[in-house]
Protein backbone atom coordinates (compact mmCIF):
# COMPACT_ATOMS: atom_id res chain seq x y z
CA MET A 1 85.08 82.28 100.93
CA ASN A 2 83.51 84.66 98.62
CA ALA A 3 81.70 86.36 101.44
CA ASP A 4 84.87 86.91 103.09
CA TYR A 5 86.41 88.62 100.21
CA HIS A 6 83.45 91.04 99.77
CA ALA A 7 83.69 91.78 103.69
CA LEU A 8 87.14 92.50 103.45
CA ARG A 9 86.94 94.42 100.22
CA ALA A 10 84.21 96.74 101.82
CA PHE A 11 86.29 97.02 104.85
CA ALA A 12 89.42 98.39 102.93
CA ASP A 13 87.32 100.45 100.86
CA SER A 14 85.93 102.43 103.66
CA TRP A 15 87.74 102.12 107.08
CA GLY A 16 91.17 100.84 105.52
CA LEU A 17 91.20 103.84 103.24
CA LEU A 18 90.32 106.07 105.99
CA ALA A 19 93.18 104.60 108.30
CA MET A 20 95.75 104.87 105.56
CA THR A 21 94.58 108.67 104.85
CA LEU A 22 95.29 109.31 108.68
CA PHE A 23 98.51 107.45 108.77
CA PHE A 24 99.59 109.41 105.76
CA ILE A 25 98.59 112.86 107.15
CA ALA A 26 100.38 111.72 110.63
CA VAL A 27 103.68 111.15 108.85
CA LEU A 28 103.22 114.27 106.99
CA VAL A 29 102.75 116.24 110.32
CA PHE A 30 105.77 114.24 111.77
CA VAL A 31 108.20 115.06 109.08
CA PHE A 32 107.45 118.87 108.72
CA ARG A 33 107.15 119.57 112.42
CA PRO A 34 109.05 122.61 113.69
CA GLY A 35 112.01 120.50 115.18
CA ALA A 36 112.28 118.16 112.39
CA ARG A 37 114.92 119.77 110.44
CA ARG A 38 117.66 119.59 113.28
CA ALA A 39 116.75 115.96 113.76
CA ALA A 40 117.01 115.34 110.22
CA ASP A 41 120.39 116.94 109.84
CA GLU A 42 122.03 115.12 112.68
CA ALA A 43 120.76 111.78 111.39
CA ALA A 44 122.15 112.79 108.04
CA SER A 45 125.61 113.55 109.10
CA ILE A 46 126.00 110.23 111.14
CA PRO A 47 127.87 108.42 108.19
CA LEU A 48 130.34 111.13 108.18
CA LYS A 49 131.20 111.51 111.72
CA GLU A 50 134.62 109.97 112.54
CA ASP A 51 134.80 108.19 116.03
């Protein structure tokens, strides 16, 4: 069991960190893309719409 812990810890320290960093950058790109403002404004106004 101790070897499993060390193997997973080594993976998390290297590839896991890289994967989380890439995911974070992808989220930032998605949020700050040129068309995101209109989509965010539309989503924010949903609770105020009267059907």
